[in-house]
Amino acid sequence: MVIPVFLLGVYALIKNKSRVHAIFICILSLFWLYYTLYIIYPKYSIGDERYYIVGFFGGYGNTVGEIAKNILSNPLDVLKFITTKQKLIYMWDLFAPVLFLSLLAPDILFIGVPLLLLNMISNYPRLSSSWTYYHSSSLPFIWLSLVVGLERLENFLKFLFNKIKLKMTASPLFSLRSKMTSPTVFINLILLMIFILNFFIVRYTPNGQYLPFSKSFNKRVYEINIRDKIVDKILSNIPKTNSIAANYGFLESTAERKWQYAAGSFTYLPDILLYDPFALTGEVLDVTSDTEYEKILGDSHLFLFARKDLIK
């Protein structure tokens, strides 16, 4: 979030709009970046363990400086990496819904592009997946640049139409023809195409199956079932002093503690393991009885483990 917020300040400076506020936003963003990297991360890191965010770019190095050096010194390798099929699909998923018309307003789009570039460079697959949230702070600028781009396209069409006006001004059909071919009609047709395209994207993709435009949308999706109640009871009874490893879907509910991990990626032995094998986030957890953990709950395909030394 630091990147687009900082660039909002830069944009305001370039446009000479509210310079005092723009400078304040830039300074605040840089302060937050420093505070995050050099105050928060060291406080919640173990020894020489690399920062969590650095792991997204682990293929380039283990420190911010090392990562930056390797990226800048190997531009061709980076270019080859960001033009792989997965990365290109990611860009297609983000810009095809606006028919790539955001490119008509690069001065707006540049606020969100640097973050997208980082997602493209990252070797962590979830960063360059269109169905995760890592590009969420770029989406407003993709769609805002669409609005500005359409305005510029309309102005260009008006200029073009004035240059190539038909000479048949005396024709009774001229007035009707002019209305039917006005720039506004073209812009409205483009907007209609964008709406229809996004309608079908949401309606016929598995990840959009519960959104309002989808064929499967039903308010019953949001009803709390017995399984939800069991999970809620478990989460509310885990002491906040205990470390925990859980599915991504549970991490928001277990964040009020110093240590928490994704179920499929932890080296330190957390006190509690909460695992749902039917979660859609892809974690895999293999805990057997001969490990340091003992099963407390295994009903309804929901598994809860605790370290044996804690149970004793």
Protein backbone atom coordinates (compact mmCIF):
# COMPACT_ATOMS: atom_id res chain seq x y z
CA MET A 1 0.00 0.00 0.00
CA VAL A 2 2.95 2.31 0.55
CA ILE A 3 3.74 2.40 -3.19
CA PRO A 4 0.41 3.66 -4.61
CA VAL A 5 -0.10 6.06 -1.69
CA PHE A 6 3.39 7.52 -2.23
CA LEU A 7 2.71 7.85 -5.96
CA LEU A 8 -0.58 9.64 -5.24
CA GLY A 9 1.52 12.29 -3.51
CA VAL A 10 3.91 12.37 -6.47
CA TYR A 11 0.97 12.76 -8.86
CA ALA A 12 -0.38 15.70 -6.86
CA LEU A 13 3.06 17.34 -6.93
CA ILE A 14 3.36 16.91 -10.70
CA LYS A 15 -0.12 18.35 -11.24
CA ASN A 16 0.57 21.21 -8.78
CA LYS A 17 -2.44 20.26 -6.71
CA SER A 18 -2.40 20.73 -2.95
CA ARG A 19 1.39 20.59 -2.74
CA VAL A 20 1.49 20.72 1.08
CA HIS A 21 -0.79 17.70 1.38
CA ALA A 22 1.13 15.92 -1.38
CA ILE A 23 4.46 16.36 0.40
CA PHE A 24 2.88 15.20 3.66
CA ILE A 25 1.55 12.03 1.97
CA CYS A 26 4.97 11.27 0.44
CA ILE A 27 6.79 11.74 3.77
CA LEU A 28 4.18 9.71 5.67
CA SER A 29 4.47 6.86 3.15
CA LEU A 30 8.27 6.76 3.39
CA PHE A 31 8.05 6.86 7.19
CA TRP A 32 5.63 3.93 7.21
CA LEU A 33 7.89 1.95 4.89
CA TYR A 34 10.87 2.57 7.19
CA TYR A 35 8.82 1.81 10.31
CA THR A 36 7.57 -1.47 8.81
CA LEU A 37 10.95 -2.73 7.59
CA TYR A 38 13.16 -1.58 10.42
CA ILE A 39 10.89 -1.50 13.50
CA ILE A 40 7.99 -3.94 13.10
CA TYR A 41 9.70 -6.74 11.15
CA PRO A 42 12.80 -6.98 13.39
CA LYS A 43 10.59 -7.03 16.48
CA TYR A 44 8.65 -10.05 15.23
CA SER A 45 11.48 -11.97 13.56
CA ILE A 46 13.54 -14.76 15.08
CA GLY A 47 17.29 -14.20 14.95
CA ASP A 48 18.55 -13.88 11.39
CA GLU A 49 15.30 -15.14 9.88
CA ARG A 50 14.58 -13.24 6.68
CA TYR A 51 11.61 -10.92 6.67
CA TYR A 52 8.27 -12.35 5.59
CA ILE A 53 7.93 -9.93 2.69
CA VAL A 54 11.43 -10.80 1.43
CA GLY A 55 10.26 -14.37 0.96
CA PHE A 56 8.08 -13.22 -1.94
CA PHE A 57 11.30 -12.48 -3.84
CA GLY A 58 13.44 -15.26 -2.38
CA GLY A 59 14.65 -16.33 -5.81
CA TYR A 60 16.67 -13.12 -6.04
CA GLY A 61 18.25 -13.07 -2.58
CA ASN A 62 17.65 -12.91 1.16
CA THR A 63 17.89 -9.16 1.82
CA VAL A 64 16.27 -6.12 0.22
CA GLY A 65 19.64 -4.90 -1.06
CA GLU A 66 20.59 -8.29 -2.47
CA ILE A 67 17.22 -8.67 -4.19
CA ALA A 68 17.41 -5.20 -5.76
CA LYS A 69 20.99 -5.79 -6.94
CA ASN A 70 20.18 -9.13 -8.60
CA ILE A 71 17.06 -7.76 -10.31
CA LEU A 72 18.85 -4.70 -11.70
CA SER A 73 21.94 -6.63 -12.78
CA ASN A 74 19.98 -9.32 -14.68
CA PRO A 75 17.28 -7.41 -16.62
CA LEU A 76 17.05 -9.98 -19.44
CA ASP A 77 16.42 -12.83 -16.99
CA VAL A 78 13.76 -10.75 -15.24
CA LEU A 79 12.15 -9.88 -18.58
CA LYS A 80 12.08 -13.54 -19.54
CA PHE A 81 10.49 -14.41 -16.21
CA ILE A 82 7.73 -11.78 -16.37
CA THR A 83 6.77 -12.86 -19.88
CA THR A 84 6.05 -16.45 -18.92
CA LYS A 85 2.57 -17.79 -19.59
CA GLN A 86 1.38 -17.41 -16.00
CA LYS A 87 2.50 -13.78 -15.81
CA LEU A 88 0.94 -12.87 -19.15
CA ILE A 89 -2.34 -14.49 -18.11
CA TYR A 90 -2.20 -12.38 -14.94
CA MET A 91 -1.89 -9.17 -16.98
CA TRP A 92 -4.63 -10.33 -19.35
CA ASP A 93 -6.98 -11.01 -16.43
CA LEU A 94 -6.46 -7.50 -15.07
CA PHE A 95 -6.60 -5.45 -18.27
CA ALA A 96 -8.85 -7.44 -20.61
CA PRO A 97 -11.99 -6.59 -18.55
CA VAL A 98 -11.37 -2.92 -19.42
CA LEU A 99 -10.43 -3.75 -23.04
CA PHE A 100 -6.91 -2.42 -22.33
CA LEU A 101 -8.31 1.12 -22.59
CA SER A 102 -6.57 2.01 -19.32
CA LEU A 103 -3.43 2.41 -21.42
CA LEU A 104 -4.96 5.63 -22.81
CA ALA A 105 -4.33 7.29 -19.43
CA PRO A 106 -0.76 6.28 -18.48
CA ASP A 107 -0.44 9.28 -16.14
CA ILE A 108 -3.16 7.73 -13.94
CA LEU A 109 -2.16 4.13 -14.49
CA PHE A 110 1.43 4.72 -13.34
CA ILE A 111 0.18 5.02 -9.74
CA GLY A 112 -0.86 1.37 -9.71
CA VAL A 113 1.63 -0.14 -12.17
CA PRO A 114 4.74 -0.37 -9.90
CA LEU A 115 2.90 -2.68 -7.52
CA LEU A 116 1.80 -4.86 -10.44
CA LEU A 117 5.41 -4.95 -11.63
CA LEU A 118 6.52 -6.24 -8.23
CA ASN A 119 3.83 -8.92 -8.42
CA MET A 120 5.10 -9.91 -11.85
CA ILE A 121 8.72 -10.10 -10.65
CA SER A 122 7.86 -12.13 -7.56
CA ASN A 123 8.45 -15.90 -7.69
CA TYR A 124 5.61 -16.45 -5.18
CA PRO A 125 2.74 -17.67 -7.43
CA ARG A 126 -0.09 -16.16 -5.37
CA LEU A 127 1.23 -12.63 -5.96
CA SER A 128 0.57 -12.96 -9.68
CA SER A 129 -2.80 -14.64 -9.44
CA SER A 130 -5.82 -12.59 -10.48
CA TRP A 131 -7.98 -14.25 -7.80
CA THR A 132 -5.90 -13.11 -4.83
CA TYR A 133 -5.87 -9.69 -3.18
CA TYR A 134 -2.25 -8.69 -3.80
CA HIS A 135 -3.14 -6.31 -6.66
CA SER A 136 -6.18 -4.80 -4.91
CA SER A 137 -4.52 -1.41 -4.41
CA SER A 138 -3.83 -1.23 -8.17
CA LEU A 139 -7.37 -2.00 -9.31
CA PRO A 140 -8.81 1.47 -8.55
CA PHE A 141 -6.22 3.04 -10.85
CA ILE A 142 -6.85 0.53 -13.64
CA TRP A 143 -10.54 1.46 -13.61
CA LEU A 144 -9.96 5.17 -12.98
CA SER A 145 -7.57 5.28 -15.93
CA LEU A 146 -10.34 3.61 -17.96
CA VAL A 147 -12.66 6.54 -17.15
CA VAL A 148 -10.02 9.12 -18.04
CA GLY A 149 -9.02 7.12 -21.13
CA LEU A 150 -12.62 7.04 -22.39
CA GLU A 151 -12.89 10.78 -21.88
CA ARG A 152 -9.75 11.30 -23.94
CA LEU A 153 -10.98 8.89 -26.59
CA GLU A 154 -14.25 10.80 -26.86
CA ASN A 155 -12.39 14.11 -27.22
CA PHE A 156 -10.20 12.60 -29.93
CA LEU A 157 -13.22 11.26 -31.79
CA LYS A 158 -14.91 14.68 -31.62
CA PHE A 159 -11.79 16.25 -33.09
CA LEU A 160 -11.61 13.56 -35.77
CA PHE A 161 -15.29 13.84 -36.66
CA ASN A 162 -14.98 17.59 -37.05
CA LYS A 163 -12.13 17.06 -39.48
CA ILE A 164 -13.88 14.53 -41.68
CA LYS A 165 -17.44 15.80 -41.61
CA LEU A 166 -19.52 14.67 -44.52
CA LYS A 167 -20.13 17.36 -47.12
CA MET A 168 -23.70 16.21 -47.54
CA THR A 169 -24.99 18.69 -44.98
CA ALA A 170 -28.01 19.40 -47.12
CA SER A 171 -29.13 15.79 -47.01
CA PRO A 172 -32.19 15.13 -44.79
CA LEU A 173 -30.42 12.05 -43.46
CA PHE A 174 -27.41 14.04 -42.34
CA SER A 175 -28.84 15.04 -38.97
CA LEU A 176 -29.88 11.45 -38.12
CA ARG A 177 -26.56 10.07 -39.41
CA SER A 178 -24.63 12.55 -37.27
CA LYS A 179 -26.49 11.46 -34.15
CA MET A 180 -26.00 7.77 -34.88
CA THR A 181 -22.24 8.23 -35.41
CA SER A 182 -21.57 10.69 -32.60
CA PRO A 183 -18.58 10.02 -30.31
CA THR A 184 -20.93 9.61 -27.36
CA VAL A 185 -22.64 6.66 -29.06
CA PHE A 186 -19.26 4.95 -29.59
CA ILE A 187 -18.27 5.51 -25.97
CA ASN A 188 -21.59 4.10 -24.73
CA LEU A 189 -21.15 1.04 -26.94
CA ILE A 190 -17.70 0.49 -25.45
CA LEU A 191 -19.14 0.76 -21.94
CA LEU A 192 -21.84 -1.74 -22.86
CA MET A 193 -19.18 -4.16 -24.16
CA ILE A 194 -17.21 -3.80 -20.92
CA PHE A 195 -20.31 -4.48 -18.85
CA ILE A 196 -21.25 -7.58 -20.86
CA LEU A 197 -17.68 -8.88 -20.77
CA ASN A 198 -17.44 -8.53 -16.98
CA PHE A 199 -20.89 -10.03 -16.58
CA PHE A 200 -19.76 -13.24 -18.29
CA ILE A 201 -16.36 -13.24 -16.52
CA VAL A 202 -18.10 -13.29 -13.16
CA ARG A 203 -20.95 -15.59 -14.18
CA TYR A 204 -18.92 -18.40 -15.70
CA THR A 205 -15.68 -18.55 -13.70
CA PRO A 206 -15.43 -20.93 -10.72
CA ASN A 207 -14.09 -18.20 -8.41
CA GLY A 208 -17.02 -15.94 -9.23
CA GLN A 209 -19.73 -18.50 -8.65
CA TYR A 210 -21.13 -16.81 -5.55
CA LEU A 211 -21.04 -13.21 -6.77
CA PRO A 212 -24.32 -11.40 -7.58
CA PHE A 213 -24.05 -11.83 -11.37
CA SER A 214 -23.28 -15.52 -11.14
CA LYS A 215 -25.68 -18.30 -12.03
CA SER A 216 -25.18 -19.98 -8.66
CA PHE A 217 -25.65 -16.90 -6.50
CA ASN A 218 -27.86 -17.65 -3.53
CA LYS A 219 -28.22 -15.93 -0.19
CA ARG A 220 -28.08 -19.33 1.53
CA VAL A 221 -24.31 -19.32 0.88
CA TYR A 222 -24.01 -16.91 3.81
CA GLU A 223 -25.98 -18.96 6.31
CA ILE A 224 -24.00 -20.14 9.34
CA ASN A 225 -23.95 -23.92 9.57
CA ILE A 226 -22.93 -26.36 12.32
CA ARG A 227 -19.39 -26.56 11.01
CA ASP A 228 -19.04 -22.77 11.26
CA LYS A 229 -20.22 -22.88 14.86
CA ILE A 230 -17.64 -25.55 15.72
CA VAL A 231 -14.84 -23.50 14.16
CA ASP A 232 -16.03 -20.35 15.92
CA LYS A 233 -16.06 -22.14 19.28
CA ILE A 234 -12.54 -23.50 18.72
CA LEU A 235 -11.14 -20.13 17.66
CA SER A 236 -12.75 -18.27 20.55
CA ASN A 237 -11.33 -20.75 23.10
CA ILE A 238 -7.70 -20.79 21.94
CA PRO A 239 -5.75 -18.55 24.37
CA LYS A 240 -4.20 -15.55 22.70
CA THR A 241 -0.91 -16.41 24.37
CA ASN A 242 -0.60 -19.62 22.31
CA SER A 243 1.07 -19.69 18.91
CA ILE A 244 -1.00 -21.29 16.16
CA ALA A 245 -0.75 -22.67 12.65
CA ALA A 246 -3.98 -22.71 10.65
CA ASN A 247 -5.47 -22.44 7.17
CA TYR A 248 -5.33 -19.03 5.56
CA GLY A 249 -9.07 -18.69 6.11
CA PHE A 250 -8.56 -18.89 9.89
CA LEU A 251 -5.56 -16.58 10.17
CA GLU A 252 -7.67 -13.41 10.38
CA SER A 253 -9.36 -14.86 13.46
CA THR A 254 -6.07 -15.83 15.11
CA ALA A 255 -4.10 -12.64 14.46
CA GLU A 256 -4.19 -11.28 18.03
CA ARG A 257 -1.08 -13.16 19.08
CA LYS A 258 2.64 -12.83 18.48
CA TRP A 259 3.14 -16.01 16.42
CA GLN A 260 0.89 -17.46 13.76
CA TYR A 261 1.68 -19.49 10.65
CA ALA A 262 0.03 -20.88 7.56
CA ALA A 263 -0.75 -24.56 8.11
CA GLY A 264 1.46 -25.79 5.30
CA SER A 265 4.54 -23.63 5.90
CA PHE A 266 6.06 -23.47 9.36
CA THR A 267 9.38 -24.60 10.80
CA TYR A 268 8.88 -23.47 14.38
CA LEU A 269 6.57 -25.78 16.36
CA PRO A 270 3.43 -23.78 17.19
CA ASP A 271 1.34 -24.67 20.22
CA ILE A 272 -1.88 -25.31 18.29
CA LEU A 273 -2.61 -26.69 14.80
CA LEU A 274 -6.03 -26.08 13.28
CA TYR A 275 -6.47 -27.64 9.88
CA ASP A 276 -9.34 -27.90 7.43
CA PRO A 277 -8.44 -30.25 4.53
CA PHE A 278 -11.42 -28.97 2.54
CA ALA A 279 -10.21 -25.38 2.55
CA LEU A 280 -9.68 -23.94 -0.93
CA THR A 281 -6.36 -22.27 -0.13
CA GLY A 282 -4.15 -25.25 -0.88
CA GLU A 283 -2.36 -25.93 2.42
CA VAL A 284 -1.30 -29.49 3.15
CA LEU A 285 -0.68 -30.64 6.72
CA ASP A 286 0.62 -34.09 7.65
CA VAL A 287 0.49 -34.69 11.39
CA THR A 288 0.65 -38.22 12.77
CA SER A 289 0.36 -39.55 16.29
CA ASP A 290 4.11 -40.14 16.64
CA THR A 291 4.94 -36.43 16.25
CA GLU A 292 5.10 -33.78 18.94
CA TYR A 293 1.33 -33.26 18.63
CA GLU A 294 -1.77 -35.00 19.90
CA LYS A 295 -5.14 -34.88 18.18
CA ILE A 296 -7.83 -33.14 20.22
CA LEU A 297 -10.56 -33.03 17.59
CA GLY A 298 -11.01 -34.89 14.33
CA ASP A 299 -14.72 -34.68 13.63
CA SER A 300 -16.39 -33.29 10.51
CA HIS A 301 -13.07 -33.37 8.66
CA LEU A 302 -11.79 -30.57 10.89
CA PHE A 303 -8.60 -31.35 12.77
CA LEU A 304 -7.29 -29.72 15.93
CA PHE A 305 -3.90 -30.65 17.39
CA ALA A 306 -2.00 -29.43 20.43
CA ARG A 307 1.61 -29.96 21.46
CA LYS A 308 1.90 -32.93 23.82
CA ASP A 309 3.94 -30.99 26.37
CA LEU A 310 1.12 -28.45 26.66
CA ILE A 311 -1.52 -31.10 27.22
CA LYS A 312 0.52 -32.66 30.01
